[in-house]
């Protein structure tokens, strides 16, 4: 719970801090594009599918945690491994993914 509170506060701080946004370059640099694409399913879901599924649901903090720690069962049997990203990078990546409507 404490970790989730930290993520929520950091996410809120990033959202209030201005227009700094991730882009496809960060996703490529962090190897996200090895399993995901913007508009088609690869190993994992397309980013457009992720944005549509979680739009308006206030799930950004949970998605940030999933990017950092990995996840399983949200999109099928193949688990998403943890990623070597900082909290700020994870927040930027989630913000970018959620813009892929």
Protein backbone atom coordinates (compact mmCIF):
# COMPACT_ATOMS: atom_id res chain seq x y z
CA UNK A 1 0.00 0.00 0.00
CA UNK A 2 2.85 2.38 0.85
CA UNK A 3 4.48 1.75 -2.54
CA UNK A 4 1.19 2.46 -4.30
CA UNK A 5 0.88 5.74 -2.38
CA UNK A 6 4.36 6.76 -3.50
CA UNK A 7 3.49 5.93 -7.11
CA UNK A 8 0.23 7.90 -6.88
CA UNK A 9 1.99 10.94 -5.43
CA UNK A 10 4.78 10.76 -7.98
CA UNK A 11 2.27 10.36 -10.82
CA UNK A 12 0.32 13.39 -9.60
CA UNK A 13 3.54 15.38 -9.30
CA UNK A 14 4.58 14.48 -12.82
CA UNK A 15 1.19 15.43 -14.20
CA UNK A 16 1.38 18.83 -12.52
CA UNK A 17 4.99 19.48 -13.47
CA UNK A 18 4.35 20.32 -17.10
CA UNK A 19 4.40 18.93 -20.61
CA UNK A 20 7.33 16.50 -20.29
CA UNK A 21 6.15 13.41 -22.17
CA UNK A 22 7.60 10.12 -23.21
CA UNK A 23 7.71 9.14 -26.82
CA UNK A 24 8.29 6.10 -28.97
CA UNK A 25 12.03 6.66 -28.63
CA UNK A 26 11.92 5.95 -24.89
CA UNK A 27 9.76 2.88 -25.50
CA UNK A 28 12.32 1.62 -28.02
CA UNK A 29 15.28 2.45 -25.75
CA UNK A 30 13.70 0.49 -22.90
CA UNK A 31 12.95 -2.50 -25.18
CA UNK A 32 9.18 -2.13 -24.84
CA UNK A 33 8.78 -2.35 -28.60
CA UNK A 34 10.23 -5.87 -28.61
CA UNK A 35 6.87 -7.11 -27.31
CA UNK A 36 4.48 -4.24 -28.07
CA UNK A 37 3.55 -2.09 -31.06
CA UNK A 38 1.37 1.00 -31.20
CA UNK A 39 -1.35 -0.46 -33.40
CA UNK A 40 -1.00 -4.25 -33.52
CA UNK A 41 -0.61 -7.12 -31.09
CA UNK A 42 2.83 -8.68 -30.95
CA UNK A 43 3.74 -10.71 -27.86
CA UNK A 44 1.77 -8.23 -25.77
CA UNK A 45 -1.22 -6.05 -26.64
CA UNK A 46 -1.05 -3.03 -28.92
CA UNK A 47 -0.66 0.23 -27.03
CA UNK A 48 -3.91 1.45 -28.61
CA UNK A 49 -5.68 -1.53 -26.99
CA UNK A 50 -4.13 -0.73 -23.61
CA UNK A 51 -5.16 2.93 -23.87
CA UNK A 52 -8.71 1.95 -24.83
CA UNK A 53 -9.05 -0.63 -22.05
CA UNK A 54 -7.88 1.70 -19.29
CA UNK A 55 -9.13 5.08 -20.59
CA UNK A 56 -10.78 7.16 -17.91
CA UNK A 57 -10.37 4.50 -15.24
CA UNK A 58 -7.67 6.19 -13.15
CA UNK A 59 -5.41 3.17 -13.58
CA UNK A 60 -2.17 5.03 -14.32
CA UNK A 61 -0.58 4.24 -10.93
CA UNK A 62 -1.37 0.54 -11.33
CA UNK A 63 0.00 0.57 -14.88
CA UNK A 64 3.20 2.25 -13.68
CA UNK A 65 3.62 -0.52 -11.13
CA UNK A 66 3.01 -3.15 -13.83
CA UNK A 67 5.64 -1.58 -16.10
CA UNK A 68 8.17 -1.67 -13.28
CA UNK A 69 7.35 -5.03 -11.66
CA UNK A 70 5.73 -6.95 -14.51
CA UNK A 71 2.32 -8.49 -14.59
CA UNK A 72 0.30 -11.54 -15.50
CA UNK A 73 -3.23 -12.40 -16.49
CA UNK A 74 -4.49 -9.05 -17.74
CA UNK A 75 -3.95 -9.85 -21.42
CA UNK A 76 -3.73 -13.61 -21.56
CA UNK A 77 -1.31 -16.28 -20.45
CA UNK A 78 2.01 -14.66 -21.43
CA UNK A 79 3.37 -12.68 -18.45
CA UNK A 80 4.97 -9.27 -18.82
CA UNK A 81 8.41 -9.34 -17.21
CA UNK A 82 9.65 -6.57 -14.93
CA UNK A 83 11.38 -3.73 -16.76
CA UNK A 84 14.58 -1.94 -15.88
CA UNK A 85 13.08 1.55 -15.72
CA UNK A 86 13.04 4.28 -13.13
CA UNK A 87 9.78 5.44 -11.59
CA UNK A 88 9.90 8.59 -13.73
CA UNK A 89 10.52 6.58 -16.91
CA UNK A 90 7.64 4.23 -16.07
CA UNK A 91 5.33 7.20 -15.49
CA UNK A 92 6.38 8.78 -18.77
CA UNK A 93 5.88 5.52 -20.65
CA UNK A 94 2.40 5.00 -19.19
CA UNK A 95 1.45 8.60 -20.05
CA UNK A 96 2.62 8.03 -23.63
CA UNK A 97 0.78 4.70 -23.92
CA UNK A 98 -2.42 6.30 -22.64
CA UNK A 99 -2.10 8.95 -25.39
CA UNK A 100 -2.22 6.20 -28.07
CA UNK A 101 -5.99 6.36 -28.55
